[in-house]
Amino acid sequence: MRVIAEKPWEYSIEARGDEVKAIILNGSSAIYITEVLLSAEEIRLLRQDKNNADRIIERIKKDASRSRAR
C-alpha cells in the first residue's frame, strides 16, 4: 500500500493496485474510522494536484451515504 496524501490525525489516502481509498479519522482519539473507495473523478482530481485531497475528504464527510464511521 502506498500513501498518496495524508494529514496526520485527520486522514490518509492510500493506493493498492487500481484501488484508491480514503481513511478518515473521526474524533480526537481516532476511535471512529471511515474507509471509502474514491471515485474515478476523485482520483483524477488527486492526480492533477495533491492539494485537492482536503477538498475530496470534505466532500466525502458531507456525503452521509459515504461517511459512515466504524
C-alpha atoms as a PDB file:
ATOM      1  CA  MET A   1       0.000   0.000   0.000  1.00  0.00           C
ATOM      2  CA  ARG A   2       1.302   3.422  -0.964  1.00  0.00           C
ATOM      3  CA  VAL A   3       0.284   6.647   0.778  1.00  0.00           C
ATOM      4  CA  ILE A   4      -0.721   9.270  -1.779  1.00  0.00           C
ATOM      5  CA  ALA A   5      -1.745  12.080   0.570  1.00  0.00           C
ATOM      6  CA  GLU A   6      -2.217  12.459   4.288  1.00  0.00           C
ATOM      7  CA  LYS A   7      -2.909  14.905   7.040  1.00  0.00           C
ATOM      8  CA  PRO A   8      -1.813  13.394  10.368  1.00  0.00           C
ATOM      9  CA  TRP A   9      -4.667  12.699  12.795  1.00  0.00           C
ATOM     10  CA  GLU A  10      -7.232  13.576  10.101  1.00  0.00           C
ATOM     11  CA  TYR A  11      -6.944  11.365   7.017  1.00  0.00           C
ATOM     12  CA  SER A  12      -4.794   9.253   4.743  1.00  0.00           C
ATOM     13  CA  ILE A  13      -5.356   8.441   1.080  1.00  0.00           C
ATOM     14  CA  GLU A  14      -3.763   5.152   0.068  1.00  0.00           C
ATOM     15  CA  ALA A  15      -3.413   3.179  -3.159  1.00  0.00           C
ATOM     16  CA  ARG A  16      -3.106  -0.550  -3.684  1.00  0.00           C
ATOM     17  CA  GLY A  17      -3.129  -1.574  -7.328  1.00  0.00           C
ATOM     18  CA  ASP A  18      -6.131   0.040  -9.022  1.00  0.00           C
ATOM     19  CA  GLU A  19      -7.899   0.682  -5.708  1.00  0.00           C
ATOM     20  CA  VAL A  20      -7.583   4.087  -4.035  1.00  0.00           C
ATOM     21  CA  LYS A  21      -9.208   4.627  -0.660  1.00  0.00           C
ATOM     22  CA  ALA A  22      -9.507   7.373   1.902  1.00  0.00           C
ATOM     23  CA  ILE A  23      -9.171   6.518   5.574  1.00  0.00           C
ATOM     24  CA  ILE A  24     -10.760   9.272   7.646  1.00  0.00           C
ATOM     25  CA  LEU A  25     -10.215   9.508  11.395  1.00  0.00           C
ATOM     26  CA  ASN A  26     -13.114  10.960  13.351  1.00  0.00           C
ATOM     27  CA  GLY A  27     -12.771  12.112  16.931  1.00  0.00           C
ATOM     28  CA  SER A  28      -9.819  13.278  18.963  1.00  0.00           C
ATOM     29  CA  SER A  29      -8.695   9.762  19.871  1.00  0.00           C
ATOM     30  CA  ALA A  30      -9.289   8.350  16.369  1.00  0.00           C
ATOM     31  CA  ILE A  31     -11.818   5.876  17.730  1.00  0.00           C
ATOM     32  CA  TYR A  32     -14.022   6.152  14.655  1.00  0.00           C
ATOM     33  CA  ILE A  33     -12.590   5.287  11.263  1.00  0.00           C
ATOM     34  CA  THR A  34     -14.227   5.629   7.862  1.00  0.00           C
ATOM     35  CA  GLU A  35     -12.808   3.813   4.835  1.00  0.00           C
ATOM     36  CA  VAL A  36     -14.125   4.903   1.448  1.00  0.00           C
ATOM     37  CA  LEU A  37     -13.107   3.966  -2.087  1.00  0.00           C
ATOM     38  CA  LEU A  38     -12.504   7.032  -4.232  1.00  0.00           C
ATOM     39  CA  SER A  39     -14.448   7.553  -7.436  1.00  0.00           C
ATOM     40  CA  ALA A  40     -12.714   7.899 -10.797  1.00  0.00           C
ATOM     41  CA  GLU A  41     -13.379  11.652 -10.707  1.00  0.00           C
ATOM     42  CA  GLU A  42     -11.829  11.982  -7.241  1.00  0.00           C
ATOM     43  CA  ILE A  43      -8.771  10.009  -8.338  1.00  0.00           C
ATOM     44  CA  ARG A  44      -8.422  12.261 -11.393  1.00  0.00           C
ATOM     45  CA  LEU A  45      -8.582  15.379  -9.189  1.00  0.00           C
ATOM     46  CA  LEU A  46      -5.964  13.916  -6.870  1.00  0.00           C
ATOM     47  CA  ARG A  47      -3.643  13.118  -9.776  1.00  0.00           C
ATOM     48  CA  GLN A  48      -3.985  16.685 -11.049  1.00  0.00           C
ATOM     49  CA  ASP A  49      -2.958  18.186  -7.729  1.00  0.00           C
ATOM     50  CA  LYS A  50      -2.295  16.581  -4.345  1.00  0.00           C
ATOM     51  CA  ASN A  51      -3.723  19.743  -2.749  1.00  0.00           C
ATOM     52  CA  ASN A  52      -7.178  18.559  -3.856  1.00  0.00           C
ATOM     53  CA  ALA A  53      -7.028  15.910  -1.095  1.00  0.00           C
ATOM     54  CA  ASP A  54      -8.554  18.236   1.515  1.00  0.00           C
ATOM     55  CA  ARG A  55     -11.437  19.085  -0.827  1.00  0.00           C
ATOM     56  CA  ILE A  56     -12.069  15.400  -1.599  1.00  0.00           C
ATOM     57  CA  ILE A  57     -12.092  14.472   2.097  1.00  0.00           C
ATOM     58  CA  GLU A  58     -14.534  17.283   2.916  1.00  0.00           C
ATOM     59  CA  ARG A  59     -16.819  16.128   0.083  1.00  0.00           C
ATOM     60  CA  ILE A  60     -16.798  12.581   1.487  1.00  0.00           C
ATOM     61  CA  LYS A  61     -17.539  13.820   5.020  1.00  0.00           C
ATOM     62  CA  LYS A  62     -20.565  15.782   3.765  1.00  0.00           C
ATOM     63  CA  ASP A  63     -21.983  12.788   1.872  1.00  0.00           C
ATOM     64  CA  ALA A  64     -23.814  10.835   4.586  1.00  0.00           C
ATOM     65  CA  SER A  65     -24.023   7.703   2.434  1.00  0.00           C
ATOM     66  CA  ARG A  66     -20.216   7.542   2.191  1.00  0.00           C
ATOM     67  CA  SER A  67     -19.054   8.845   5.556  1.00  0.00           C
ATOM     68  CA  ARG A  68     -20.302   6.203   7.975  1.00  0.00           C
ATOM     69  CA  ALA A  69     -17.763   5.581  10.710  1.00  0.00           C
ATOM     70  CA  ARG A  70     -16.979   2.155  12.130  1.00  0.00           C
END
